Amino acid sequence: MSNYVIGDVQGCYDSLQALLQHINFSDTEDVLWFAGDLVNRGPRSLDTLRLIHGLATKSCAHTVLGNHDLHLLALWCESGKNSRFDTIAEIVASPEGKELIEWLRRQPLVLPLPKNDHSPNQHLLAHAGILPEWSFKQALQLSQEVQAVLSGPNWKVFMADLYGNKPNRWADDLEGHDRLRLIVNVCTRMRMLRVDGKIDLKFKLEPADAPEDLKAWFEFPRANSNNEDEGKIIFGHWSTLDQIENKVGFCLDTGCVWGGRLTALRLEDFKLFGVDALEPALPPVP
């Protein structure tokens, strides 16, 4: 049995099928862990979501939510705007749409990854990452706060108040939708932090091109770096990062939807697998 973490699929169904064939995936022996952004911008978002949902019902696939997955939930609630680059309207219009949305909105922002004999430390999966001051335990607890709301009967109320870049600095005493929005922004949108600890959600290029007062979130010292049980942080979201391994773990978004590759990481030995994108490359979004 092997566990594979897969980077941003974004509706690239053909590439995903090629990757599963490449790793000889077995739905009775292996488990897939998706780093979020299952859908959008790629040409076959509905097929992708249908496939992963089907595997999840067999308990051989798990996922965290990415910003594009949340965008789909917002469109379903009519609290988000459809852009000309989106490819998720087919999900909203599909007869399967409600079942898929009901499953998707119950997924977490952060997941603990399974331990094994070769890698006894606890590894963590989040779409964009976690703040340097958060321990793994705290990140999982904060994810559960958001998951409880998204899974609950009043989830559409929160979705209507989801979008926004404020607050942009974490404080333990944050409350209400401000607290939940910041948790979501950290886990699904974050790339850079300012030296004063504020989150910058505008810069999306390579860290080397960033202004001097911005650094990649994983370049900051982790407050719990001495915790021997805390292992790697595995994330996606940052296709322009141009590096897979970094100080805290691995970034598995290798730009499949932009004509790059779709990448998987086997947890048992941290071996990387990848396939070239089979879909036509999208032009850069302005």
Protein backbone atom coordinates (compact mmCIF):
# COMPACT_ATOMS: atom_id res chain seq x y z
CA MET A 1 0.00 0.00 0.00
CA SER A 2 1.23 3.47 -0.89
CA ASN A 3 0.03 6.99 -0.10
CA TYR A 4 0.37 9.61 -2.82
CA VAL A 5 -0.13 13.36 -2.40
CA ILE A 6 -1.19 14.98 -5.68
CA GLY A 7 -0.84 18.66 -6.54
CA ASP A 8 -3.38 21.03 -8.06
CA VAL A 9 -5.44 19.20 -10.70
CA GLN A 10 -7.71 22.13 -11.61
CA GLY A 11 -9.98 20.13 -13.88
CA CYS A 12 -7.14 18.51 -15.85
CA TYR A 13 -8.89 15.14 -15.94
CA ASP A 14 -6.80 13.57 -18.71
CA SER A 15 -3.55 14.46 -16.95
CA LEU A 16 -4.88 13.03 -13.69
CA GLN A 17 -5.79 9.76 -15.38
CA ALA A 18 -2.31 9.63 -16.93
CA LEU A 19 -0.69 10.23 -13.54
CA LEU A 20 -2.76 7.50 -11.88
CA GLN A 21 -1.69 5.12 -14.62
CA HIS A 22 1.93 6.22 -14.23
CA ILE A 23 1.97 5.38 -10.50
CA ASN A 24 -0.01 2.15 -11.07
CA PHE A 25 -2.69 3.38 -8.69
CA SER A 26 -4.94 0.70 -7.20
CA ASP A 27 -8.15 1.78 -5.49
CA THR A 28 -7.98 -1.31 -3.29
CA GLU A 29 -4.37 -0.89 -2.18
CA ASP A 30 -3.35 2.77 -2.44
CA VAL A 31 -4.65 6.07 -1.04
CA LEU A 32 -4.60 9.48 -2.74
CA TRP A 33 -4.32 12.78 -0.89
CA PHE A 34 -5.19 15.87 -2.96
CA ALA A 35 -3.71 19.27 -2.15
CA GLY A 36 -6.86 21.15 -3.16
CA ASP A 37 -7.91 23.06 -6.28
CA LEU A 38 -9.52 19.99 -7.74
CA VAL A 39 -11.44 22.12 -10.23
CA ASN A 40 -11.50 25.23 -12.40
CA ARG A 41 -9.67 26.58 -15.45
CA GLY A 42 -8.96 23.09 -16.76
CA PRO A 43 -11.39 21.70 -19.36
CA ARG A 44 -12.99 18.83 -17.40
CA SER A 45 -13.81 20.03 -13.91
CA LEU A 46 -17.01 17.99 -13.61
CA ASP A 47 -15.30 14.75 -14.63
CA THR A 48 -12.44 15.45 -12.22
CA LEU A 49 -14.71 16.13 -9.28
CA ARG A 50 -16.87 13.12 -10.12
CA LEU A 51 -13.79 10.87 -10.20
CA ILE A 52 -12.32 12.08 -6.90
CA HIS A 53 -15.69 11.98 -5.18
CA GLY A 54 -16.13 8.39 -6.33
CA LEU A 55 -12.72 7.44 -4.97
CA ALA A 56 -13.49 9.21 -1.71
CA THR A 57 -16.62 7.11 -1.24
CA LYS A 58 -14.29 4.08 -1.35
CA SER A 59 -12.07 5.75 1.30
CA CYS A 60 -9.09 5.74 -1.06
CA ALA A 61 -9.03 9.50 -1.69
CA HIS A 62 -8.97 12.51 0.63
CA THR A 63 -8.69 16.22 -0.12
CA VAL A 64 -8.27 19.61 1.45
CA LEU A 65 -10.09 22.62 0.06
CA GLY A 66 -8.31 25.05 -2.24
CA ASN A 67 -9.32 28.56 -3.25
CA HIS A 68 -10.86 27.34 -6.52
CA ASP A 69 -12.89 24.72 -4.67
CA LEU A 70 -14.22 27.46 -2.39
CA HIS A 71 -14.96 29.56 -5.48
CA LEU A 72 -17.15 26.72 -6.74
CA LEU A 73 -18.99 26.64 -3.40
CA ALA A 74 -19.50 30.40 -3.63
CA LEU A 75 -20.93 30.13 -7.14
CA TRP A 76 -23.29 27.43 -5.94
CA CYS A 77 -24.49 29.82 -3.22
CA GLU A 78 -24.72 32.69 -5.71
CA SER A 79 -22.27 34.65 -3.56
CA GLY A 80 -19.40 34.48 -6.06
CA LYS A 81 -18.98 35.83 -9.57
CA ASN A 82 -18.27 33.63 -12.59
CA SER A 83 -15.25 34.86 -14.57
CA ARG A 84 -14.45 34.17 -18.20
CA PHE A 85 -11.58 31.92 -17.07
CA ASP A 86 -13.83 29.65 -14.97
CA THR A 87 -14.75 26.13 -16.07
CA ILE A 88 -17.01 25.15 -13.19
CA ALA A 89 -20.44 26.27 -14.42
CA GLU A 90 -20.97 22.72 -15.71
CA ILE A 91 -20.78 21.44 -12.13
CA VAL A 92 -23.39 23.91 -10.91
CA ALA A 93 -25.69 22.97 -13.81
CA SER A 94 -25.13 19.22 -13.55
CA PRO A 95 -27.79 16.87 -12.09
CA GLU A 96 -24.95 15.61 -9.88
CA GLY A 97 -24.10 19.11 -8.75
CA LYS A 98 -25.89 19.03 -5.41
CA GLU A 99 -24.37 15.70 -4.38
CA LEU A 100 -20.88 16.86 -5.33
CA ILE A 101 -21.29 20.21 -3.54
CA GLU A 102 -22.63 18.53 -0.41
CA TRP A 103 -19.53 16.35 -0.34
CA LEU A 104 -17.09 19.14 -1.19
CA ARG A 105 -18.30 21.58 1.47
CA ARG A 106 -17.60 19.01 4.17
CA GLN A 107 -13.90 18.73 3.35
CA PRO A 108 -11.25 20.27 5.65
CA LEU A 109 -8.64 22.97 5.04
CA VAL A 110 -5.87 20.97 6.72
CA LEU A 111 -5.29 17.23 7.01
CA PRO A 112 -2.78 15.15 8.97
CA LEU A 113 -1.03 12.71 6.66
CA PRO A 114 -0.52 9.08 7.67
CA LYS A 115 2.65 8.09 9.47
CA ASN A 116 4.68 5.10 8.35
CA ASP A 117 7.82 3.20 9.31
CA HIS A 118 9.99 5.17 6.88
CA SER A 119 8.60 8.54 7.95
CA PRO A 120 7.47 8.43 11.61
CA ASN A 121 6.91 12.20 11.97
CA GLN A 122 3.51 13.79 11.54
CA HIS A 123 3.23 15.50 8.14
CA LEU A 124 0.55 18.06 7.26
CA LEU A 125 -1.38 18.84 4.08
CA ALA A 126 -2.81 22.30 3.33
CA HIS A 127 -3.56 23.90 -0.01
CA ALA A 128 -1.51 27.08 0.49
CA GLY A 129 0.22 26.48 3.83
CA ILE A 130 -0.07 27.46 7.48
CA LEU A 131 1.25 30.42 9.43
CA PRO A 132 4.73 30.05 10.97
CA GLU A 133 3.32 30.71 14.46
CA TRP A 134 0.75 27.91 14.20
CA SER A 135 1.63 24.48 15.51
CA PHE A 136 0.30 21.52 13.55
CA LYS A 137 -2.17 20.90 16.38
CA GLN A 138 -3.45 24.48 16.23
CA ALA A 139 -3.71 24.42 12.41
CA LEU A 140 -5.85 21.28 12.60
CA GLN A 141 -8.06 22.80 15.30
CA LEU A 142 -8.56 25.98 13.24
CA SER A 143 -9.37 23.90 10.17
CA GLN A 144 -12.03 22.10 12.21
CA GLU A 145 -13.60 25.45 13.14
CA VAL A 146 -14.09 26.31 9.46
CA GLN A 147 -15.13 22.79 8.56
CA ALA A 148 -17.84 22.85 11.23
CA VAL A 149 -19.34 26.00 9.72
CA LEU A 150 -19.10 24.83 6.10
CA SER A 151 -20.67 21.50 7.06
CA GLY A 152 -23.46 23.16 9.02
CA PRO A 153 -26.91 24.41 8.08
CA ASN A 154 -25.88 28.09 7.92
CA TRP A 155 -22.86 27.62 5.66
CA LYS A 156 -24.27 29.90 2.94
CA VAL A 157 -24.27 32.82 5.37
CA PHE A 158 -20.52 32.44 5.82
CA MET A 159 -19.94 32.00 2.08
CA ALA A 160 -21.64 35.34 1.47
CA ASP A 161 -19.07 36.93 3.80
CA LEU A 162 -16.07 34.88 2.69
CA TYR A 163 -14.32 37.22 0.29
CA GLY A 164 -11.95 39.89 1.55
CA ASN A 165 -8.32 40.45 2.54
CA LYS A 166 -9.01 41.69 6.05
CA PRO A 167 -8.02 41.00 8.73
CA ASN A 168 -4.49 40.37 7.51
CA ARG A 169 -2.77 39.43 10.75
CA TRP A 170 -3.53 36.52 13.04
CA ALA A 171 -4.62 37.03 16.64
CA ASP A 172 -5.93 34.32 18.93
CA ASP A 173 -8.81 36.54 20.04
CA LEU A 174 -10.25 37.05 16.55
CA GLU A 175 -13.93 36.13 16.46
CA GLY A 176 -16.78 35.44 14.06
CA HIS A 177 -16.42 35.66 10.32
CA ASP A 178 -13.23 37.72 10.62
CA ARG A 179 -11.57 34.77 12.34
CA LEU A 180 -12.91 32.22 9.85
CA ARG A 181 -12.03 34.38 6.83
CA LEU A 182 -8.43 34.76 7.96
CA ILE A 183 -8.10 31.01 8.55
CA VAL A 184 -9.44 30.37 5.04
CA ASN A 185 -7.15 32.98 3.48
CA VAL A 186 -4.09 31.51 5.19
CA CYS A 187 -4.85 27.93 4.23
CA THR A 188 -6.04 28.54 0.67
CA ARG A 189 -4.59 31.84 -0.62
CA MET A 190 -1.38 32.73 1.25
CA ARG A 191 1.99 32.94 -0.48
CA MET A 192 3.87 35.85 1.05
CA LEU A 193 4.14 37.44 4.47
CA ARG A 194 5.40 40.88 5.36
CA VAL A 195 8.24 41.15 7.82
CA ASP A 196 5.77 42.56 10.37
CA GLY A 197 3.73 39.36 10.14
CA LYS A 198 0.90 40.66 7.96
CA ILE A 199 -0.33 38.45 5.12
CA ASP A 200 0.09 39.79 1.58
CA LEU A 201 -2.44 38.28 -0.82
CA LYS A 202 -1.53 40.23 -3.95
CA PHE A 203 1.97 39.03 -4.88
CA LYS A 204 1.80 35.79 -6.92
CA LEU A 205 5.16 35.51 -8.70
CA GLU A 206 8.50 33.98 -7.70
CA PRO A 207 9.89 34.98 -4.28
CA ALA A 208 13.03 36.31 -5.95
CA ASP A 209 10.93 38.99 -7.66
CA ALA A 210 9.22 40.14 -4.46
CA PRO A 211 9.75 43.50 -2.76
CA GLU A 212 12.22 43.50 0.13
CA ASP A 213 9.52 43.59 2.79
CA LEU A 214 7.92 40.34 1.53
CA LYS A 215 9.10 36.78 2.11
CA ALA A 216 7.61 33.41 1.27
CA TRP A 217 5.66 32.12 4.27
CA PHE A 218 7.87 29.05 4.54
CA GLU A 219 11.02 31.19 4.85
CA PHE A 220 9.97 32.44 8.29
CA PRO A 221 11.16 30.47 11.33
CA ARG A 222 8.53 28.09 12.64
CA ALA A 223 7.58 28.69 16.24
CA ASN A 224 7.40 24.93 16.83
CA SER A 225 10.57 24.00 14.98
CA ASN A 226 11.82 22.12 18.05
CA ASN A 227 8.80 19.84 18.10
CA GLU A 228 10.32 16.58 16.95
CA ASP A 229 6.95 15.12 15.97
CA GLU A 230 6.18 17.84 13.43
CA GLY A 231 7.37 16.77 9.99
CA LYS A 232 6.85 18.20 6.52
CA ILE A 233 4.19 20.62 5.33
CA ILE A 234 2.96 19.63 1.89
CA PHE A 235 1.05 22.18 -0.15
CA GLY A 236 0.16 23.35 -3.64
CA HIS A 237 -1.30 26.67 -4.86
CA TRP A 238 1.96 28.30 -6.03
CA SER A 239 2.63 27.28 -9.61
CA THR A 240 5.11 30.13 -10.14
CA LEU A 241 7.25 29.08 -7.18
CA ASP A 242 9.49 27.07 -9.53
CA GLN A 243 10.71 24.73 -6.81
CA ILE A 244 9.19 21.60 -5.33
CA GLU A 245 11.24 21.03 -2.17
CA ASN A 246 11.65 23.89 0.28
CA LYS A 247 12.53 24.57 3.91
CA VAL A 248 9.31 23.17 5.36
CA GLY A 249 8.37 20.47 2.88
CA PHE A 250 7.10 20.23 -0.68
CA CYS A 251 5.05 22.41 -3.05
CA LEU A 252 3.29 20.10 -5.50
CA ASP A 253 1.63 22.69 -7.76
CA THR A 254 3.74 22.31 -10.88
CA GLY A 255 1.41 24.25 -13.18
CA CYS A 256 -0.45 21.47 -14.94
CA VAL A 257 -3.26 23.78 -16.06
CA TRP A 258 -0.65 26.19 -17.47
CA GLY A 259 1.02 23.52 -19.60
CA GLY A 260 3.40 22.27 -16.91
CA ARG A 261 3.18 18.94 -15.12
CA LEU A 262 0.93 17.14 -12.67
CA THR A 263 2.97 15.89 -9.74
CA ALA A 264 2.52 13.25 -7.04
CA LEU A 265 4.65 12.63 -3.95
CA ARG A 266 4.79 9.14 -2.43
CA LEU A 267 4.80 9.58 1.34
CA GLU A 268 6.57 6.34 2.11
CA ASP A 269 9.86 7.50 0.56
CA PHE A 270 9.19 11.09 -0.68
CA LYS A 271 9.70 9.96 -4.27
CA LEU A 272 8.25 12.32 -6.88
CA PHE A 273 6.24 11.22 -9.90
CA GLY A 274 4.96 13.42 -12.68
CA VAL A 275 3.38 13.56 -16.11
CA ASP A 276 3.41 16.34 -18.66
CA ALA A 277 0.08 18.14 -19.01
CA LEU A 278 -2.13 16.65 -21.69
CA GLU A 279 -4.49 19.62 -21.84
CA PRO A 280 -3.76 22.71 -23.98
CA ALA A 281 -1.86 25.25 -21.89
CA LEU A 282 -3.89 28.20 -20.68
CA PRO A 283 -2.57 31.69 -21.36
CA PRO A 284 -1.48 33.57 -18.23
CA VAL A 285 -4.40 35.23 -16.45
CA PRO A 286 -3.86 39.01 -16.35
